[in-house]
Amino acid sequence: CCDSSRVTIVRPAQTPMGWDFGDAATRTVTIGRLEQRSTLEETVGYPAAGPDTSEAQWLLFLGPGEQVAAADRVMVAAADGTTTVLEVVGSPAVVFGARSAHHIEATLRSVGASQS
């Protein structure tokens, strides 16, 4: 879970219709580390009301020079070829060491299902 891996930070383009995470968005590939912070599964009356829903929160660690903001999404590719899409929750925090910025921490949550 805690190994560094390649992540893609997606900065949406602002359009008159809202945020565009498609072709107009800016994508930055970098190295980050993800740690799962919590998970929640909610039973909503299956099968009558549909399947259970689940939500997980993650913590993303990035190098001190990376740019990530509250409106961004983060894409993480898995070994099986799927890509998990997460969104940044709130403002990321710059964590300082004794002399300078050490790293950035961003809280993330799932955005729908993984993509192939």
C-alpha atoms as a PDB file:
ATOM      1  CA  CYS A   1       0.000   0.000   0.000  1.00  0.00           C
ATOM      2  CA  CYS A   2       2.679   2.466   0.944  1.00  0.00           C
ATOM      3  CA  ASP A   3       5.165   2.184  -1.908  1.00  0.00           C
ATOM      4  CA  SER A   4       5.747   5.193  -4.100  1.00  0.00           C
ATOM      5  CA  SER A   5       4.114   4.931  -7.489  1.00  0.00           C
ATOM      6  CA  ARG A   6       3.331   6.983 -10.553  1.00  0.00           C
ATOM      7  CA  VAL A   7       0.277   9.211 -10.173  1.00  0.00           C
ATOM      8  CA  THR A   8      -1.345  11.667 -12.549  1.00  0.00           C
ATOM      9  CA  ILE A   9      -2.637  14.942 -11.145  1.00  0.00           C
ATOM     10  CA  VAL A  10      -5.528  16.261 -13.257  1.00  0.00           C
ATOM     11  CA  ARG A  11      -6.140  20.017 -13.035  1.00  0.00           C
ATOM     12  CA  PRO A  12      -9.583  20.739 -14.550  1.00  0.00           C
ATOM     13  CA  ALA A  13     -10.234  23.488 -17.046  1.00  0.00           C
ATOM     14  CA  GLN A  14     -12.890  25.975 -15.973  1.00  0.00           C
ATOM     15  CA  THR A  15     -15.662  26.333 -18.560  1.00  0.00           C
ATOM     16  CA  PRO A  16     -19.033  28.127 -18.573  1.00  0.00           C
ATOM     17  CA  MET A  17     -20.596  24.697 -17.838  1.00  0.00           C
ATOM     18  CA  GLY A  18     -18.326  23.996 -14.821  1.00  0.00           C
ATOM     19  CA  TRP A  19     -15.131  21.995 -14.354  1.00  0.00           C
ATOM     20  CA  ASP A  20     -13.872  20.005 -17.369  1.00  0.00           C
ATOM     21  CA  PHE A  21     -11.727  16.983 -16.483  1.00  0.00           C
ATOM     22  CA  GLY A  22     -11.598  15.842 -20.130  1.00  0.00           C
ATOM     23  CA  ASP A  23      -9.262  16.875 -22.928  1.00  0.00           C
ATOM     24  CA  ALA A  24      -9.077  20.515 -21.782  1.00  0.00           C
ATOM     25  CA  ALA A  25      -7.681  19.531 -18.351  1.00  0.00           C
ATOM     26  CA  THR A  26      -3.964  19.739 -17.553  1.00  0.00           C
ATOM     27  CA  ARG A  27      -2.313  16.451 -16.597  1.00  0.00           C
ATOM     28  CA  THR A  28       0.934  16.164 -14.630  1.00  0.00           C
ATOM     29  CA  VAL A  29       2.586  12.777 -14.087  1.00  0.00           C
ATOM     30  CA  THR A  30       4.649  12.515 -10.909  1.00  0.00           C
ATOM     31  CA  ILE A  31       5.636  10.140  -8.109  1.00  0.00           C
ATOM     32  CA  GLY A  32       3.499   9.928  -4.978  1.00  0.00           C
ATOM     33  CA  ARG A  33       2.669   7.597  -2.114  1.00  0.00           C
ATOM     34  CA  LEU A  34      -0.910   6.644  -1.182  1.00  0.00           C
ATOM     35  CA  GLU A  35      -2.085   5.384   2.198  1.00  0.00           C
ATOM     36  CA  GLN A  36      -5.673   4.374   2.895  1.00  0.00           C
ATOM     37  CA  ARG A  37      -6.959   6.305   5.925  1.00  0.00           C
ATOM     38  CA  SER A  38     -10.491   4.948   6.317  1.00  0.00           C
ATOM     39  CA  THR A  39     -13.233   3.006   4.590  1.00  0.00           C
ATOM     40  CA  LEU A  40     -16.988   2.884   5.062  1.00  0.00           C
ATOM     41  CA  GLU A  41     -19.591   0.536   3.611  1.00  0.00           C
ATOM     42  CA  GLU A  42     -23.238   1.498   3.797  1.00  0.00           C
ATOM     43  CA  THR A  43     -26.084  -0.975   3.334  1.00  0.00           C
ATOM     44  CA  VAL A  44     -28.919   0.725   1.501  1.00  0.00           C
ATOM     45  CA  GLY A  45     -31.533  -2.039   1.377  1.00  0.00           C
ATOM     46  CA  TYR A  46     -30.179  -4.409  -1.242  1.00  0.00           C
ATOM     47  CA  PRO A  47     -31.682  -5.649  -3.529  1.00  0.00           C
ATOM     48  CA  ALA A  48     -34.713  -3.346  -3.441  1.00  0.00           C
ATOM     49  CA  ALA A  49     -32.724  -0.091  -3.252  1.00  0.00           C
ATOM     50  CA  GLY A  50     -29.630  -1.266  -5.097  1.00  0.00           C
ATOM     51  CA  PRO A  51     -26.232  -2.541  -3.970  1.00  0.00           C
ATOM     52  CA  ASP A  52     -24.254  -1.360  -0.963  1.00  0.00           C
ATOM     53  CA  THR A  53     -22.117   1.730  -1.363  1.00  0.00           C
ATOM     54  CA  SER A  54     -18.600   2.126  -0.074  1.00  0.00           C
ATOM     55  CA  GLU A  55     -16.353   5.100   0.392  1.00  0.00           C
ATOM     56  CA  ALA A  56     -12.673   5.275   1.220  1.00  0.00           C
ATOM     57  CA  GLN A  57     -10.415   8.161   2.182  1.00  0.00           C
ATOM     58  CA  TRP A  58      -6.765   8.210   1.206  1.00  0.00           C
ATOM     59  CA  LEU A  59      -3.754  10.336   2.047  1.00  0.00           C
ATOM     60  CA  LEU A  60      -1.438  11.271  -0.832  1.00  0.00           C
ATOM     61  CA  PHE A  61       2.166  12.243  -0.149  1.00  0.00           C
ATOM     62  CA  LEU A  62       3.949  14.290  -2.830  1.00  0.00           C
ATOM     63  CA  GLY A  63       7.311  15.987  -3.106  1.00  0.00           C
ATOM     64  CA  PRO A  64       7.509  19.585  -1.851  1.00  0.00           C
ATOM     65  CA  GLY A  65       7.639  21.110  -5.340  1.00  0.00           C
ATOM     66  CA  GLU A  66       4.471  19.482  -6.698  1.00  0.00           C
ATOM     67  CA  GLN A  67       1.336  21.470  -7.463  1.00  0.00           C
ATOM     68  CA  VAL A  68      -2.001  20.047  -6.268  1.00  0.00           C
ATOM     69  CA  ALA A  69      -5.197  21.914  -5.337  1.00  0.00           C
ATOM     70  CA  ALA A  70      -8.682  21.297  -3.959  1.00  0.00           C
ATOM     71  CA  ALA A  71     -10.346  21.042  -7.392  1.00  0.00           C
ATOM     72  CA  ASP A  72      -7.853  18.476  -8.733  1.00  0.00           C
ATOM     73  CA  ARG A  73      -8.271  14.762  -9.289  1.00  0.00           C
ATOM     74  CA  VAL A  74      -5.590  12.101  -8.970  1.00  0.00           C
ATOM     75  CA  MET A  75      -5.400   9.022 -11.199  1.00  0.00           C
ATOM     76  CA  VAL A  76      -3.504   5.933 -10.062  1.00  0.00           C
ATOM     77  CA  ALA A  77      -2.842   2.997 -12.390  1.00  0.00           C
ATOM     78  CA  ALA A  78      -2.898  -0.525 -10.937  1.00  0.00           C
ATOM     79  CA  ALA A  79      -0.924  -3.544 -12.110  1.00  0.00           C
ATOM     80  CA  ASP A  80      -4.130  -5.128 -13.511  1.00  0.00           C
ATOM     81  CA  GLY A  81      -4.607  -2.248 -15.978  1.00  0.00           C
ATOM     82  CA  THR A  82      -7.376  -0.422 -14.123  1.00  0.00           C
ATOM     83  CA  THR A  83      -7.082   3.229 -13.142  1.00  0.00           C
ATOM     84  CA  THR A  84      -8.543   4.532  -9.897  1.00  0.00           C
ATOM     85  CA  VAL A  85      -9.782   8.130  -9.931  1.00  0.00           C
ATOM     86  CA  LEU A  86      -9.681  10.072  -6.652  1.00  0.00           C
ATOM     87  CA  GLU A  87     -10.526  13.700  -5.875  1.00  0.00           C
ATOM     88  CA  VAL A  88      -8.700  16.095  -3.589  1.00  0.00           C
ATOM     89  CA  VAL A  89     -10.751  16.990  -0.487  1.00  0.00           C
ATOM     90  CA  GLY A  90      -9.980  20.430   0.926  1.00  0.00           C
ATOM     91  CA  SER A  91      -6.687  22.236   0.619  1.00  0.00           C
ATOM     92  CA  PRO A  92      -3.496  20.148   0.605  1.00  0.00           C
ATOM     93  CA  ALA A  93      -0.997  20.824   3.405  1.00  0.00           C
ATOM     94  CA  VAL A  94       2.679  21.631   2.974  1.00  0.00           C
ATOM     95  CA  VAL A  95       4.605  19.859   5.755  1.00  0.00           C
ATOM     96  CA  PHE A  96       7.829  21.553   6.808  1.00  0.00           C
ATOM     97  CA  GLY A  97      11.033  19.987   8.085  1.00  0.00           C
ATOM     98  CA  ALA A  98      13.675  21.793  10.130  1.00  0.00           C
ATOM     99  CA  ARG A  99      14.733  24.116   7.289  1.00  0.00           C
ATOM    100  CA  SER A 100      12.238  23.946   4.433  1.00  0.00           C
ATOM    101  CA  ALA A 101       9.182  22.269   2.948  1.00  0.00           C
ATOM    102  CA  HIS A 102       9.532  18.495   3.285  1.00  0.00           C
ATOM    103  CA  HIS A 103       6.462  17.167   1.462  1.00  0.00           C
ATOM    104  CA  ILE A 104       2.796  17.809   0.599  1.00  0.00           C
ATOM    105  CA  GLU A 105      -0.131  15.846   2.056  1.00  0.00           C
ATOM    106  CA  ALA A 106      -3.519  15.786   0.317  1.00  0.00           C
ATOM    107  CA  THR A 107      -6.666  14.000   1.492  1.00  0.00           C
ATOM    108  CA  LEU A 108      -8.421  12.120  -1.325  1.00  0.00           C
ATOM    109  CA  ARG A 109     -11.705  10.263  -1.788  1.00  0.00           C
ATOM    110  CA  SER A 110     -13.007   7.932  -4.481  1.00  0.00           C
ATOM    111  CA  VAL A 111     -14.770   9.316  -7.524  1.00  0.00           C
ATOM    112  CA  GLY A 112     -16.963   6.503  -8.795  1.00  0.00           C
ATOM    113  CA  ALA A 113     -15.559   3.154  -9.881  1.00  0.00           C
ATOM    114  CA  SER A 114     -12.151   2.365 -11.297  1.00  0.00           C
ATOM    115  CA  GLN A 115     -11.685   2.671 -15.023  1.00  0.00           C
ATOM    116  CA  SER A 116     -10.043   0.220 -17.428  1.00  0.00           C
END
